[in-house]
C-alpha atoms as a PDB file:
ATOM      1  CA  MET A   1      12.621 -31.798   6.721  1.00  0.00           C
ATOM      2  CA  GLU A   2      10.618 -28.910   5.704  1.00  0.00           C
ATOM      3  CA  ASN A   3       7.271 -29.093   5.177  1.00  0.00           C
ATOM      4  CA  THR A   4       6.285 -27.706   1.820  1.00  0.00           C
ATOM      5  CA  ASN A   5       2.892 -27.871   2.068  1.00  0.00           C
ATOM      6  CA  ALA A   6       2.981 -26.255   5.429  1.00  0.00           C
ATOM      7  CA  LYS A   7       0.137 -23.440   4.676  1.00  0.00           C
ATOM      8  CA  PRO A   8       1.986 -19.970   4.593  1.00  0.00           C
ATOM      9  CA  LYS A   9       2.327 -17.867   8.328  1.00  0.00           C
ATOM     10  CA  ARG A  10       0.824 -14.753   8.372  1.00  0.00           C
ATOM     11  CA  GLU A  11       3.154 -11.661   9.345  1.00  0.00           C
ATOM     12  CA  VAL A  12       1.964  -8.781  10.214  1.00  0.00           C
ATOM     13  CA  VAL A  13       3.821  -6.074   9.415  1.00  0.00           C
ATOM     14  CA  VAL A  14       4.130  -2.277   9.489  1.00  0.00           C
ATOM     15  CA  PRO A  15       4.964   0.702   6.883  1.00  0.00           C
ATOM     16  CA  GLY A  16       8.415   0.822   6.916  1.00  0.00           C
ATOM     17  CA  ASP A  17       9.037  -2.641   7.184  1.00  0.00           C
ATOM     18  CA  LEU A  18      11.883  -4.888   4.866  1.00  0.00           C
ATOM     19  CA  LEU A  19       9.636  -7.591   2.882  1.00  0.00           C
ATOM     20  CA  ASP A  20      12.317  -8.763   0.359  1.00  0.00           C
ATOM     21  CA  ASP A  21      15.567  -7.730  -1.202  1.00  0.00           C
ATOM     22  CA  LYS A  22      15.799 -10.271  -3.729  1.00  0.00           C
ATOM     23  CA  GLU A  23      13.644 -11.199  -6.293  1.00  0.00           C
ATOM     24  CA  LEU A  24      10.284 -11.127  -5.063  1.00  0.00           C
ATOM     25  CA  ARG A  25       8.059  -8.494  -7.508  1.00  0.00           C
ATOM     26  CA  PRO A  26       6.213  -4.804  -5.776  1.00  0.00           C
ATOM     27  CA  GLY A  27       2.006  -5.908  -5.318  1.00  0.00           C
ATOM     28  CA  SER A  28      -0.012  -4.241  -3.416  1.00  0.00           C
ATOM     29  CA  GLY A  29       0.195  -2.213   0.192  1.00  0.00           C
ATOM     30  CA  THR A  30       4.008  -2.343  -1.006  1.00  0.00           C
ATOM     31  CA  TYR A  31       7.218   0.403  -2.359  1.00  0.00           C
ATOM     32  CA  VAL A  32      10.233  -0.234  -3.443  1.00  0.00           C
ATOM     33  CA  GLN A  33      13.341   2.022  -2.290  1.00  0.00           C
ATOM     34  CA  ASP A  34      16.887   1.174  -3.694  1.00  0.00           C
ATOM     35  CA  GLY A  35      16.450  -2.210  -5.163  1.00  0.00           C
ATOM     36  CA  LYS A  36      14.624  -3.100  -1.793  1.00  0.00           C
ATOM     37  CA  LEU A  37      10.708  -3.933  -0.910  1.00  0.00           C
ATOM     38  CA  TYR A  38       8.769  -2.370   1.985  1.00  0.00           C
ATOM     39  CA  SER A  39       5.719  -2.184   3.420  1.00  0.00           C
ATOM     40  CA  SER A  40       3.915   0.757   2.824  1.00  0.00           C
ATOM     41  CA  LEU A  41       0.528  -0.304   5.740  1.00  0.00           C
ATOM     42  CA  LEU A  42       0.389  -1.799   8.608  1.00  0.00           C
ATOM     43  CA  GLY A  43      -1.125  -5.362   7.346  1.00  0.00           C
ATOM     44  CA  VAL A  44      -1.155  -9.000   6.750  1.00  0.00           C
ATOM     45  CA  LYS A  45       2.045  -9.875   4.669  1.00  0.00           C
ATOM     46  CA  SER A  46       0.723 -12.710   1.194  1.00  0.00           C
ATOM     47  CA  ILE A  47       3.375 -14.205  -1.031  1.00  0.00           C
ATOM     48  CA  ARG A  48       2.053 -15.422  -3.878  1.00  0.00           C
ATOM     49  CA  SER A  49       3.069 -16.504  -6.879  1.00  0.00           C
ATOM     50  CA  ASN A  50       6.632 -14.287  -6.963  1.00  0.00           C
ATOM     51  CA  TYR A  51       4.302 -10.961  -5.689  1.00  0.00           C
ATOM     52  CA  VAL A  52       4.445  -9.288  -2.230  1.00  0.00           C
ATOM     53  CA  ASN A  53       1.540  -8.060  -0.926  1.00  0.00           C
ATOM     54  CA  VAL A  54       0.533  -6.305   1.848  1.00  0.00           C
ATOM     55  CA  ILE A  55      -3.164  -6.715   3.054  1.00  0.00           C
ATOM     56  CA  PRO A  56      -4.348  -4.502   5.339  1.00  0.00           C
ATOM     57  CA  LEU A  57      -5.455  -5.134   8.395  1.00  0.00           C
ATOM     58  CA  SER A  58      -8.762  -2.822   8.704  1.00  0.00           C
ATOM     59  CA  GLY A  59      -9.315  -3.678   4.656  1.00  0.00           C
ATOM     60  CA  ARG A  60     -11.187  -6.464   2.610  1.00  0.00           C
ATOM     61  CA  TYR A  61     -10.068 -10.013   3.970  1.00  0.00           C
ATOM     62  CA  LEU A  62      -8.129 -10.985   1.013  1.00  0.00           C
ATOM     63  CA  PRO A  63      -8.139 -14.753   0.698  1.00  0.00           C
ATOM     64  CA  GLN A  64      -5.317 -17.523   1.262  1.00  0.00           C
ATOM     65  CA  THR A  65      -5.346 -21.044  -1.009  1.00  0.00           C
ATOM     66  CA  ALA A  66      -6.974 -24.121   2.472  1.00  0.00           C
ATOM     67  CA  ASP A  67      -8.600 -21.009   3.948  1.00  0.00           C
ATOM     68  CA  THR A  68     -12.548 -22.110   5.189  1.00  0.00           C
ATOM     69  CA  VAL A  69     -14.063 -19.882   4.654  1.00  0.00           C
ATOM     70  CA  VAL A  70     -18.190 -18.139   5.042  1.00  0.00           C
ATOM     71  CA  GLY A  71     -19.911 -17.241   2.017  1.00  0.00           C
ATOM     72  CA  LYS A  72     -23.223 -15.925   0.636  1.00  0.00           C
ATOM     73  CA  ILE A  73     -24.458 -16.750  -2.610  1.00  0.00           C
ATOM     74  CA  ILE A  74     -25.063 -13.557  -4.347  1.00  0.00           C
ATOM     75  CA  ASP A  75     -25.557 -13.952  -8.003  1.00  0.00           C
ATOM     76  CA  ILE A  76     -26.186 -17.320 -10.032  1.00  0.00           C
ATOM     77  CA  GLY A  77     -25.026 -18.061 -14.038  1.00  0.00           C
ATOM     78  CA  PRO A  78     -25.931 -21.295 -15.770  1.00  0.00           C
ATOM     79  CA  SER A  79     -22.453 -22.851 -14.567  1.00  0.00           C
ATOM     80  CA  ASN A  80     -21.218 -21.132 -11.940  1.00  0.00           C
ATOM     81  CA  TRP A  81     -22.168 -19.302  -8.258  1.00  0.00           C
ATOM     82  CA  LEU A  82     -21.069 -15.873  -7.320  1.00  0.00           C
ATOM     83  CA  VAL A  83     -20.043 -15.468  -2.960  1.00  0.00           C
ATOM     84  CA  ASP A  84     -19.830 -12.713  -1.190  1.00  0.00           C
ATOM     85  CA  ILE A  85     -16.753 -13.909   0.740  1.00  0.00           C
ATOM     86  CA  ASN A  86     -15.932 -10.270   2.014  1.00  0.00           C
ATOM     87  CA  ALA A  87     -13.259 -10.201  -0.240  1.00  0.00           C
ATOM     88  CA  PRO A  88     -12.141  -7.261  -2.729  1.00  0.00           C
ATOM     89  CA  TYR A  89     -14.082  -9.723  -5.317  1.00  0.00           C
ATOM     90  CA  PRO A  90     -16.791 -11.813  -5.392  1.00  0.00           C
ATOM     91  CA  ALA A  91     -15.551 -15.509  -6.074  1.00  0.00           C
ATOM     92  CA  PRO A  92     -16.751 -17.716  -8.709  1.00  0.00           C
ATOM     93  CA  LEU A  93     -17.902 -21.050  -7.741  1.00  0.00           C
ATOM     94  CA  HIS A  94     -18.622 -23.417 -10.436  1.00  0.00           C
ATOM     95  CA  VAL A  95     -20.443 -26.363 -11.134  1.00  0.00           C
ATOM     96  CA  ASN A  96     -17.348 -28.919 -10.425  1.00  0.00           C
ATOM     97  CA  GLU A  97     -16.828 -27.889  -7.141  1.00  0.00           C
ATOM     98  CA  VAL A  98     -20.065 -28.761  -5.283  1.00  0.00           C
ATOM     99  CA  PRO A  99     -20.650 -32.128  -4.203  1.00  0.00           C
ATOM    100  CA  TRP A 100     -23.764 -32.697  -6.146  1.00  0.00           C
ATOM    101  CA  ARG A 101     -24.648 -32.673 -10.025  1.00  0.00           C
ATOM    102  CA  VAL A 102     -26.103 -29.773 -11.334  1.00  0.00           C
ATOM    103  CA  GLU A 103     -27.103 -30.332 -15.161  1.00  0.00           C
ATOM    104  CA  PHE A 104     -26.291 -26.856 -17.272  1.00  0.00           C
ATOM    105  CA  GLY A 105     -28.627 -24.002 -16.097  1.00  0.00           C
ATOM    106  CA  ASP A 106     -29.671 -25.419 -13.325  1.00  0.00           C
ATOM    107  CA  THR A 107     -28.080 -23.743 -10.032  1.00  0.00           C
ATOM    108  CA  ALA A 108     -30.422 -21.799  -9.001  1.00  0.00           C
ATOM    109  CA  ARG A 109     -32.056 -25.922  -7.889  1.00  0.00           C
ATOM    110  CA  PHE A 110     -29.297 -26.307  -5.284  1.00  0.00           C
ATOM    111  CA  LEU A 111     -27.718 -22.516  -3.960  1.00  0.00           C
ATOM    112  CA  ASN A 112     -29.560 -19.423  -4.514  1.00  0.00           C
ATOM    113  CA  VAL A 113     -28.973 -16.374  -3.670  1.00  0.00           C
ATOM    114  CA  GLY A 114     -28.832 -15.313  -0.171  1.00  0.00           C
ATOM    115  CA  ASP A 115     -28.093 -19.218   0.806  1.00  0.00           C
ATOM    116  CA  VAL A 116     -24.832 -18.874   2.976  1.00  0.00           C
ATOM    117  CA  ILE A 117     -22.345 -21.931   2.567  1.00  0.00           C
ATOM    118  CA  MET A 118     -19.146 -22.973   3.882  1.00  0.00           C
ATOM    119  CA  ALA A 119     -16.069 -23.406   1.311  1.00  0.00           C
ATOM    120  CA  LYS A 120     -12.788 -23.459   0.560  1.00  0.00           C
ATOM    121  CA  ILE A 121     -10.183 -21.028  -0.975  1.00  0.00           C
ATOM    122  CA  LEU A 122      -9.607 -23.389  -3.932  1.00  0.00           C
ATOM    123  CA  MET A 123      -7.461 -21.127  -6.221  1.00  0.00           C
ATOM    124  CA  MET A 124      -5.611 -17.142  -5.345  1.00  0.00           C
ATOM    125  CA  ASP A 125      -3.057 -15.525  -8.111  1.00  0.00           C
ATOM    126  CA  GLU A 126      -2.012 -12.536  -8.124  1.00  0.00           C
ATOM    127  CA  THR A 127      -4.269 -10.970 -10.476  1.00  0.00           C
ATOM    128  CA  ASN A 128      -6.548 -11.351  -7.809  1.00  0.00           C
ATOM    129  CA  LYS A 129      -8.180 -14.308  -9.825  1.00  0.00           C
ATOM    130  CA  ILE A 130     -10.866 -16.211  -6.251  1.00  0.00           C
ATOM    131  CA  GLN A 131     -12.256 -19.722  -7.045  1.00  0.00           C
ATOM    132  CA  VAL A 132     -13.878 -21.830  -3.735  1.00  0.00           C
ATOM    133  CA  THR A 133     -14.831 -25.470  -3.780  1.00  0.00           C
ATOM    134  CA  MET A 134     -17.716 -27.548  -1.396  1.00  0.00           C
ATOM    135  CA  ASN A 135     -15.612 -30.085  -2.720  1.00  0.00           C
ATOM    136  CA  GLU A 136     -14.340 -31.281   0.514  1.00  0.00           C
ATOM    137  CA  SER A 137     -14.724 -32.349   3.900  1.00  0.00           C
ATOM    138  CA  GLY A 138     -17.540 -30.385   5.715  1.00  0.00           C
ATOM    139  CA  MET A 139     -18.218 -28.125   3.242  1.00  0.00           C
ATOM    140  CA  ARG A 140     -21.593 -27.521   3.577  1.00  0.00           C
ATOM    141  CA  LYS A 141     -24.652 -25.440   2.928  1.00  0.00           C
ATOM    142  CA  LEU A 142     -25.877 -23.568   6.340  1.00  0.00           C
ATOM    143  CA  GLN A 143     -28.811 -24.156   6.375  1.00  0.00           C
ATOM    144  CA  GLY A 144     -30.572 -21.402   8.816  1.00  0.00           C
ATOM    145  CA  GLY A 145     -28.633 -19.263  10.597  1.00  0.00           C
ATOM    146  CA  HIS A 146     -27.875 -16.140  11.322  1.00  0.00           C
ATOM    147  CA  VAL A 147     -24.388 -14.654   9.150  1.00  0.00           C
ATOM    148  CA  ILE A 148     -22.432 -11.978  11.079  1.00  0.00           C
ATOM    149  CA  GLN A 149     -19.102 -10.279  10.210  1.00  0.00           C
ATOM    150  CA  VAL A 150     -16.268  -9.153  12.551  1.00  0.00           C
ATOM    151  CA  SER A 151     -13.093  -8.216  10.831  1.00  0.00           C
ATOM    152  CA  TYR A 152     -10.840 -11.154   9.471  1.00  0.00           C
ATOM    153  CA  SER A 153      -7.561  -9.955  11.224  1.00  0.00           C
ATOM    154  CA  LYS A 154      -9.401 -11.037  14.674  1.00  0.00           C
ATOM    155  CA  VAL A 155     -10.942 -13.939  13.572  1.00  0.00           C
ATOM    156  CA  PRO A 156      -7.790 -15.763  15.735  1.00  0.00           C
ATOM    157  CA  ARG A 157      -8.954 -13.689  18.763  1.00  0.00           C
ATOM    158  CA  VAL A 158     -12.520 -15.079  18.250  1.00  0.00           C
ATOM    159  CA  ILE A 159     -11.645 -18.972  17.904  1.00  0.00           C
ATOM    160  CA  GLY A 160      -9.072 -18.905  20.752  1.00  0.00           C
ATOM    161  CA  LYS A 161      -5.909 -20.264  21.814  1.00  0.00           C
ATOM    162  CA  GLY A 162      -6.736 -23.906  20.918  1.00  0.00           C
ATOM    163  CA  GLY A 163     -10.847 -23.184  20.381  1.00  0.00           C
ATOM    164  CA  SER A 164     -10.994 -22.535  24.129  1.00  0.00           C
ATOM    165  CA  MET A 165     -13.432 -18.393  23.354  1.00  0.00           C
ATOM    166  CA  ILE A 166     -15.276 -19.991  21.094  1.00  0.00           C
ATOM    167  CA  GLN A 167     -15.833 -23.083  22.261  1.00  0.00           C
ATOM    168  CA  MET A 168     -17.167 -21.212  25.587  1.00  0.00           C
ATOM    169  CA  ILE A 169     -19.580 -19.279  23.557  1.00  0.00           C
ATOM    170  CA  LYS A 170     -20.640 -22.135  21.784  1.00  0.00           C
ATOM    171  CA  ASN A 171     -21.290 -23.594  25.588  1.00  0.00           C
ATOM    172  CA  MET A 172     -22.556 -20.822  27.420  1.00  0.00           C
ATOM    173  CA  THR A 173     -25.197 -20.194  24.608  1.00  0.00           C
ATOM    174  CA  ASP A 174     -26.090 -23.458  22.851  1.00  0.00           C
ATOM    175  CA  CYS A 175     -25.569 -22.536  19.251  1.00  0.00           C
ATOM    176  CA  ARG A 176     -23.494 -23.573  16.980  1.00  0.00           C
ATOM    177  CA  VAL A 177     -21.014 -21.236  15.287  1.00  0.00           C
ATOM    178  CA  PHE A 178     -19.168 -21.653  11.861  1.00  0.00           C
ATOM    179  CA  VAL A 179     -16.222 -18.650  11.882  1.00  0.00           C
ATOM    180  CA  GLY A 180     -14.937 -18.334   8.503  1.00  0.00           C
ATOM    181  CA  GLN A 181     -11.376 -17.018   8.228  1.00  0.00           C
ATOM    182  CA  ASN A 182     -12.828 -14.077   5.955  1.00  0.00           C
ATOM    183  CA  GLY A 183     -14.697 -12.987   9.032  1.00  0.00           C
ATOM    184  CA  MET A 184     -17.822 -14.097   8.502  1.00  0.00           C
ATOM    185  CA  ILE A 185     -19.103 -15.974  11.296  1.00  0.00           C
ATOM    186  CA  TRP A 186     -22.165 -18.185  10.903  1.00  0.00           C
ATOM    187  CA  ILE A 187     -24.176 -19.044  13.972  1.00  0.00           C
ATOM    188  CA  GLU A 188     -27.844 -21.347  14.151  1.00  0.00           C
ATOM    189  CA  GLY A 189     -29.672 -21.680  17.873  1.00  0.00           C
ATOM    190  CA  GLU A 190     -32.487 -20.438  19.725  1.00  0.00           C
ATOM    191  CA  LEU A 191     -32.665 -16.479  18.576  1.00  0.00           C
ATOM    192  CA  ASP A 192     -32.481 -15.048  21.663  1.00  0.00           C
ATOM    193  CA  ASN A 193     -28.753 -16.895  21.951  1.00  0.00           C
ATOM    194  CA  ILE A 194     -28.255 -16.300  18.551  1.00  0.00           C
ATOM    195  CA  LEU A 195     -28.008 -12.191  20.037  1.00  0.00           C
ATOM    196  CA  VAL A 196     -26.379 -13.077  22.570  1.00  0.00           C
ATOM    197  CA  ALA A 197     -23.709 -15.459  20.845  1.00  0.00           C
ATOM    198  CA  SER A 198     -23.217 -12.262  18.519  1.00  0.00           C
ATOM    199  CA  LYS A 199     -22.993  -9.444  21.096  1.00  0.00           C
ATOM    200  CA  ALA A 200     -19.941 -11.636  22.736  1.00  0.00           C
ATOM    201  CA  ILE A 201     -18.316 -12.166  19.072  1.00  0.00           C
ATOM    202  CA  GLU A 202     -18.441  -8.001  18.268  1.00  0.00           C
ATOM    203  CA  MET A 203     -17.289  -7.179  21.960  1.00  0.00           C
ATOM    204  CA  ILE A 204     -14.067 -10.139  21.136  1.00  0.00           C
ATOM    205  CA  ASP A 205     -13.970  -7.734  17.716  1.00  0.00           C
ATOM    206  CA  GLU A 206     -13.799  -4.200  19.256  1.00  0.00           C
ATOM    207  CA  GLU A 207     -11.991  -5.281  22.536  1.00  0.00           C
ATOM    208  CA  ALA A 208      -9.594  -7.507  20.453  1.00  0.00           C
ATOM    209  CA  GLN A 209      -6.615  -5.848  22.530  1.00  0.00           C
ATOM    210  CA  ALA A 210      -8.190  -5.884  26.001  1.00  0.00           C
ATOM    211  CA  SER A 211      -5.825  -8.010  28.647  1.00  0.00           C
ATOM    212  CA  ASN A 212      -9.375  -9.150  30.391  1.00  0.00           C
ATOM    213  CA  LEU A 213     -11.185 -10.340  27.246  1.00  0.00           C
ATOM    214  CA  THR A 214     -11.721 -13.826  28.418  1.00  0.00           C
ATOM    215  CA  ASP A 215     -12.817 -13.027  31.692  1.00  0.00           C
ATOM    216  CA  ARG A 216     -14.831  -9.997  30.086  1.00  0.00           C
ATOM    217  CA  VAL A 217     -17.474 -12.239  27.351  1.00  0.00           C
ATOM    218  CA  LYS A 218     -17.332 -15.045  30.370  1.00  0.00           C
ATOM    219  CA  GLU A 219     -19.069 -12.657  33.067  1.00  0.00           C
ATOM    220  CA  TYR A 220     -20.999 -11.828  29.763  1.00  0.00           C
ATOM    221  CA  LEU A 221     -21.905 -14.956  28.778  1.00  0.00           C
ATOM    222  CA  GLU A 222     -22.793 -15.493  32.252  1.00  0.00           C
ATOM    223  CA  ARG A 223     -25.417 -12.617  32.743  1.00  0.00           C
ATOM    224  CA  ASN A 224     -27.063 -13.398  29.359  1.00  0.00           C
ATOM    225  CA  ALA A 225     -26.795 -16.645  28.243  1.00  0.00           C
ATOM    226  CA  PRO A 226     -29.213 -19.500  29.532  1.00  0.00           C
ATOM    227  CA  ALA A 227     -29.744 -20.708  32.772  1.00  0.00           C
ATOM    228  CA  GLU A 228     -27.396 -23.201  33.918  1.00  0.00           C
ATOM    229  CA  GLY A 229     -25.188 -23.087  29.701  1.00  0.00           C
ATOM    230  CA  GLN A 230     -28.627 -24.537  28.325  1.00  0.00           C
END
């Protein structure tokens, strides 16, 4: 039986790939020829509300509903915050979507400009209207730490099969690491260890296609991480 709640699969397409020959409407990164819809660039196919978009692999993150993201507060209003999630537009976080009771005009007492949060994409429609929520398990304000950014298309490589790559980095640097599907990554630990973890993640971002990448990252960590992986 088909799982109608399954998250849409991200399909990588190249210029000229057929996206649809039925009734879906053209969105960004597409063109129509002879009544059929094609990709105009290298990117990820996304279908939302009968629109087909192609998200450039080298461009900004285009949210998918239920994605977990790391974001930074960049502005505050009386009843919401604006969050930078590496998307084309800031994402509003309304006071109804946080786990605290926030009175009108009291938003700065809970989250201020520069604060980092883990959130989920609550909504993303064909007009690029984004909304995020913290009202789900595990979503919270991230205290301290350091944020780095990689291409969101490299996030699966950073995480690794079954979480193997990111777990290796955590274990060998003794850092806490949260990877957002938007390519923003929060790292917390001793400063020297944060620098080592950051460099390892940057290596993955730059060399994601290398066949021996796991061995290279492990070798780097063994040379630079704390003695005995502590």
